[in-house]
Each structure stands twice: as C-alpha cells, then as structure tokens.
Amino acid sequence: MESKIKTLPLKWIILAYFALFFTSFIFTILGIIARGDPTKLVASWNIFADIGIFAITVYAIGTLIAVIILLFLIKRNGFSFDRIGFRKNLKITSIIYAILGVVIIYLISIIVEAIMKVSYEPIKFNSILDIGLMTISPLIGAICEEIMFRGYILTALLENMKNKLLAIIIANLIFASIHIYFGIAGIVFAFFAGLVFSFIYLKTNSIYPSIITHSIYNLIAVFNP
C-alpha cells in the first residue's frame, strides 16, 4: 500500500554521487597510506593487472551500497519497488528495444570518439581474477545505475516536474556528471547513452530492458573497446 506521499522525493538524488565519493575516499585513504601515489601501492599488491580494474571494482561496490540504501529508503517510506520500474512485463518487443539500444549506443560511442578525437587504452588482463572482476563489476554497475538513474531519479523528476522533457534532460545531465573520470568525451557520451536508456525505460515501462542494454554495452566496452 502506497504512503500518503504522492511523488517520489527528490532529496535522495544525492545518492547518485555516492559511488564517486566512495571511490575518491578509498583512493584518498590509499594515498595517505602510500604517502603519495595510491596507484603504486595498489600495483605493489600484485593482485590487479591494471589499476583500472581496481578502480572499477571499487566504483561498482559504491554503486551497490548506494542502491541498497535507496531501496531501503523506498521500502521504508511505503513505496513499492514497481514504482521504480520493477514490473514483470518483459515482452519480446522489450527485448528488441534492448538489443537496438545496444547498437545505437555503440554507434554513439564511435561518433563521440571520432568527433572528439579520443581513444581509450584497453584494460590488461593477467588472470582469471581480472576477467572475473571485469565481468562482474560492469554488470553490477549497469544494474545499479539503471535502478538509480532511470528507476529512481528519472521517475522522481518526471513525477515532480511539469516539463517532462526538462526532467529527462536533467536526469541525464546528472547521469553524465558521474562519468567525470572519463573526461569530457565520457560525459558527452554518457549523456546521449542515458537518453537511449531513458527512452527504453519509458517505452517499455520497465527497468529490465534498460538493464539488459546497459549490461551488454558495458561488457562490450570492457572486452572490445
């Protein structure tokens, strides 16, 4: 049964930045321990072949914590999870939208990289652990980001704003801003990718198709950059 609150509150949007702050906090602590560059300390562990693997894993943990907090707040305040897209209506058309979304986002990535003249170095893998972490972490990130940014933030903004187009733009500007570590090109790409995720979410009326799209693309970006 829904609470008397008619709309999802916007005050939880701060959770969108939890993973960024969490990752920064971990690297700051490591920097203090190392008394300098934290990447050298991580490299000295001889666990990760690439510092990027460690960073992405930490970020994924941060997104997971943020979403657990979000789901707790949603439940505690009397909202059902179907309010943020957990609806059992995954149809064939939804799968088609999800697959088309992957293709469109991949094309967007090519266009953005070509226009902004950027390229990303592939992540090095030296062990099963590396491969495992870089499979699980992007999937956790995709699932949690869709719950946070499409399920909660986009829905909350649409419920609280009269201008629906502006709500969609703001939601994706927030989504783009958390990709600051990828530079300007990463922010631009994330904004347009977010629009695709948003379209899929709104068109299918479910969080699952956008999760599928996001998950597949993340794995493609990791293993076929």
Protein backbone atom coordinates (compact mmCIF):
# COMPACT_ATOMS: atom_id res chain seq x y z
CA MET A 1 0.00 0.00 0.00
CA GLU A 2 1.40 3.38 -1.02
CA SER A 3 2.06 6.06 1.58
CA LYS A 4 0.31 9.42 1.52
CA ILE A 5 3.28 10.89 -0.34
CA LYS A 6 2.12 11.10 -3.96
CA THR A 7 5.51 11.50 -5.55
CA LEU A 8 8.94 10.03 -5.01
CA PRO A 9 11.02 12.55 -3.02
CA LEU A 10 13.90 14.25 -4.80
CA LYS A 11 16.09 14.51 -1.70
CA TRP A 12 17.59 11.06 -2.26
CA ILE A 13 19.21 12.19 -5.54
CA ILE A 14 22.40 12.85 -3.57
CA LEU A 15 22.87 9.07 -3.58
CA ALA A 16 23.70 9.35 -7.29
CA TYR A 17 27.13 10.66 -6.28
CA PHE A 18 27.79 8.17 -3.51
CA ALA A 19 29.90 5.85 -5.68
CA LEU A 20 32.07 8.77 -6.87
CA PHE A 21 32.70 9.94 -3.32
CA PHE A 22 33.23 6.37 -2.14
CA THR A 23 35.84 5.73 -4.85
CA SER A 24 37.57 9.05 -4.14
CA PHE A 25 37.57 8.28 -0.42
CA ILE A 26 39.17 4.85 -0.95
CA PHE A 27 41.89 6.29 -3.18
CA THR A 28 42.48 9.14 -0.73
CA ILE A 29 42.96 6.67 2.13
CA LEU A 30 45.32 4.60 -0.02
CA GLY A 31 47.21 7.78 -0.92
CA ILE A 32 47.64 8.60 2.77
CA ILE A 33 48.86 5.08 3.46
CA ALA A 34 51.25 5.20 0.50
CA ARG A 35 52.29 8.78 1.33
CA GLY A 36 51.99 9.56 -2.34
CA ASP A 37 50.58 7.92 -5.45
CA PRO A 38 47.96 5.30 -4.44
CA THR A 39 48.29 3.53 -7.79
CA LYS A 40 51.81 2.44 -6.84
CA LEU A 41 50.51 0.93 -3.61
CA VAL A 42 47.79 -0.99 -5.47
CA ALA A 43 50.35 -2.17 -8.03
CA SER A 44 52.59 -3.42 -5.22
CA TRP A 45 49.88 -5.87 -4.15
CA ASN A 46 50.38 -7.78 -7.43
CA ILE A 47 46.66 -8.61 -7.47
CA PHE A 48 45.36 -6.46 -10.32
CA ALA A 49 46.95 -6.36 -13.77
CA ASP A 50 45.59 -2.83 -14.31
CA ILE A 51 44.74 -0.04 -11.85
CA GLY A 52 41.54 0.42 -13.86
CA ILE A 53 40.32 -2.99 -12.68
CA PHE A 54 40.70 -1.94 -9.06
CA ALA A 55 39.04 1.44 -9.67
CA ILE A 56 36.06 -0.05 -11.50
CA THR A 57 35.64 -2.71 -8.81
CA VAL A 58 35.63 -0.08 -6.05
CA TYR A 59 33.16 2.05 -8.02
CA ALA A 60 30.87 -0.97 -8.51
CA ILE A 61 30.91 -1.61 -4.76
CA GLY A 62 29.99 2.05 -4.24
CA THR A 63 27.04 1.85 -6.62
CA LEU A 64 25.83 -1.31 -4.93
CA ILE A 65 25.94 0.31 -1.49
CA ALA A 66 24.09 3.37 -2.83
CA VAL A 67 21.32 1.28 -4.37
CA ILE A 68 20.92 -0.82 -1.23
CA ILE A 69 20.43 2.43 0.71
CA LEU A 70 17.99 3.68 -1.95
CA LEU A 71 15.90 0.50 -1.89
CA PHE A 72 15.82 0.65 1.91
CA LEU A 73 14.56 4.25 1.80
CA ILE A 74 11.95 3.43 -0.82
CA LYS A 75 10.62 0.50 1.18
CA ARG A 76 10.79 2.35 4.49
CA ASN A 77 8.77 5.24 3.06
CA GLY A 78 5.99 2.99 1.85
CA PHE A 79 6.72 2.87 -1.87
CA SER A 80 6.57 -0.39 -3.78
CA PHE A 81 9.50 -1.36 -6.00
CA ASP A 82 7.34 -1.39 -9.10
CA ARG A 83 7.27 2.39 -8.67
CA ILE A 84 10.89 2.40 -9.87
CA GLY A 85 10.41 0.01 -12.75
CA PHE A 86 10.40 -3.45 -11.21
CA ARG A 87 7.46 -4.58 -13.30
CA LYS A 88 7.08 -8.09 -14.70
CA ASN A 89 6.25 -7.12 -18.26
CA LEU A 90 9.35 -8.18 -20.19
CA LYS A 91 7.91 -8.82 -23.64
CA ILE A 92 9.53 -9.68 -26.98
CA THR A 93 9.20 -6.04 -28.03
CA SER A 94 11.07 -5.04 -24.87
CA ILE A 95 13.94 -7.38 -25.78
CA ILE A 96 14.01 -5.87 -29.28
CA TYR A 97 14.24 -2.36 -27.81
CA ALA A 98 17.04 -3.55 -25.53
CA ILE A 99 19.09 -5.02 -28.41
CA LEU A 100 18.50 -2.00 -30.65
CA GLY A 101 19.60 0.17 -27.75
CA VAL A 102 22.95 -1.62 -27.61
CA VAL A 103 23.51 -0.99 -31.34
CA ILE A 104 22.55 2.68 -31.08
CA ILE A 105 24.75 3.29 -28.04
CA TYR A 106 27.69 1.56 -29.70
CA LEU A 107 27.26 3.83 -32.71
CA ILE A 108 27.07 6.85 -30.39
CA SER A 109 30.37 5.82 -28.81
CA ILE A 110 32.04 5.61 -32.23
CA ILE A 111 30.68 9.02 -33.26
CA VAL A 112 31.68 10.74 -29.99
CA GLU A 113 35.20 9.28 -30.09
CA ALA A 114 35.61 10.30 -33.74
CA ILE A 115 34.34 13.86 -33.25
CA MET A 116 36.23 14.46 -30.02
CA LYS A 117 39.31 12.56 -31.25
CA VAL A 118 39.74 10.36 -28.20
CA SER A 119 40.60 6.73 -27.72
CA TYR A 120 40.79 4.53 -24.66
CA GLU A 121 43.53 2.06 -23.86
CA PRO A 122 42.23 -1.50 -23.44
CA ILE A 123 42.38 -2.87 -19.90
CA LYS A 124 45.02 -5.52 -19.32
CA PHE A 125 44.01 -8.96 -18.05
CA ASN A 126 46.59 -11.26 -16.48
CA SER A 127 44.44 -13.67 -14.51
CA ILE A 128 41.03 -15.27 -14.04
CA LEU A 129 40.51 -12.81 -11.17
CA ASP A 130 40.98 -9.86 -13.54
CA ILE A 131 38.49 -11.29 -16.03
CA GLY A 132 36.04 -12.17 -13.27
CA LEU A 133 36.15 -8.72 -11.69
CA MET A 134 35.80 -7.01 -15.07
CA THR A 135 32.78 -9.14 -15.85
CA ILE A 136 31.01 -8.80 -12.53
CA SER A 137 31.82 -5.14 -11.79
CA PRO A 138 30.43 -3.69 -15.06
CA LEU A 139 27.29 -5.80 -14.63
CA ILE A 140 26.82 -4.56 -11.05
CA GLY A 141 27.43 -1.02 -12.27
CA ALA A 142 24.89 -1.34 -15.08
CA ILE A 143 22.17 -2.82 -12.87
CA CYS A 144 22.70 -0.33 -10.06
CA GLU A 145 22.96 2.71 -12.34
CA GLU A 146 19.70 1.81 -14.09
CA ILE A 147 17.91 1.40 -10.77
CA MET A 148 19.35 4.69 -9.53
CA PHE A 149 19.17 6.89 -12.62
CA ARG A 150 16.22 5.55 -14.59
CA GLY A 151 14.21 3.76 -11.92
CA TYR A 152 14.50 6.40 -9.23
CA ILE A 153 15.93 9.73 -10.45
CA LEU A 154 14.16 9.88 -13.83
CA THR A 155 10.89 8.70 -12.30
CA ALA A 156 11.12 11.13 -9.39
CA LEU A 157 11.88 14.08 -11.68
CA LEU A 158 9.03 13.18 -14.03
CA GLU A 159 6.65 12.97 -11.07
CA ASN A 160 7.78 16.27 -9.58
CA MET A 161 8.23 18.41 -12.71
CA LYS A 162 5.63 19.70 -15.15
CA ASN A 163 8.12 19.95 -18.02
CA LYS A 164 8.76 16.28 -18.83
CA LEU A 165 11.43 16.97 -21.44
CA LEU A 166 13.37 19.08 -18.96
CA ALA A 167 13.05 16.31 -16.38
CA ILE A 168 14.59 13.82 -18.82
CA ILE A 169 17.42 16.22 -19.67
CA ILE A 170 18.20 16.93 -16.01
CA ALA A 171 18.16 13.22 -15.15
CA ASN A 172 20.70 12.51 -17.86
CA LEU A 173 22.87 15.50 -17.02
CA ILE A 174 23.15 14.03 -13.53
CA PHE A 175 23.95 10.63 -15.06
CA ALA A 176 26.57 12.19 -17.34
CA SER A 177 28.18 14.10 -14.46
CA ILE A 178 29.13 10.95 -12.58
CA HIS A 179 31.28 9.92 -15.55
CA ILE A 180 33.64 12.83 -14.98
CA TYR A 181 36.61 10.47 -14.60
CA PHE A 182 36.26 9.62 -18.30
CA GLY A 183 36.81 13.24 -19.32
CA ILE A 184 34.65 15.50 -21.47
CA ALA A 185 34.16 12.83 -24.13
CA GLY A 186 32.97 10.39 -21.48
CA ILE A 187 30.49 12.92 -20.10
CA VAL A 188 29.11 13.70 -23.57
CA PHE A 189 28.80 10.01 -24.42
CA ALA A 190 27.12 9.20 -21.09
CA PHE A 191 24.53 11.94 -21.66
CA PHE A 192 23.45 10.60 -25.04
CA ALA A 193 23.65 6.98 -23.88
CA GLY A 194 21.49 7.99 -20.93
CA LEU A 195 18.88 9.35 -23.32
CA VAL A 196 18.74 5.96 -25.01
CA PHE A 197 18.43 4.17 -21.67
CA SER A 198 15.67 6.61 -20.68
CA PHE A 199 13.77 6.05 -23.93
CA ILE A 200 13.90 2.27 -23.44
CA TYR A 201 12.81 2.58 -19.81
CA LEU A 202 9.87 4.85 -20.61
CA LYS A 203 8.86 2.99 -23.76
CA THR A 204 8.77 -0.44 -22.10
CA ASN A 205 7.54 0.80 -18.72
CA SER A 206 10.09 -1.50 -17.05
CA ILE A 207 13.62 -1.26 -15.68
CA TYR A 208 14.65 -4.67 -17.02
CA PRO A 209 15.15 -3.79 -20.73
CA SER A 210 17.39 -0.80 -19.96
CA ILE A 211 19.36 -3.00 -17.56
CA ILE A 212 19.85 -5.51 -20.38
CA THR A 213 21.02 -2.78 -22.76
CA HIS A 214 23.36 -1.22 -20.23
CA SER A 215 24.81 -4.56 -19.16
CA ILE A 216 25.53 -5.75 -22.70
CA TYR A 217 27.11 -2.45 -23.68
CA ASN A 218 29.31 -2.37 -20.57
CA LEU A 219 30.66 -5.83 -21.37
CA ILE A 220 31.30 -4.83 -24.98
CA ALA A 221 33.16 -1.71 -23.79
CA VAL A 222 35.33 -3.80 -21.47
CA PHE A 223 36.21 -6.70 -23.74
CA ASN A 224 36.01 -4.99 -27.13
CA PRO A 225 36.95 -1.32 -26.54
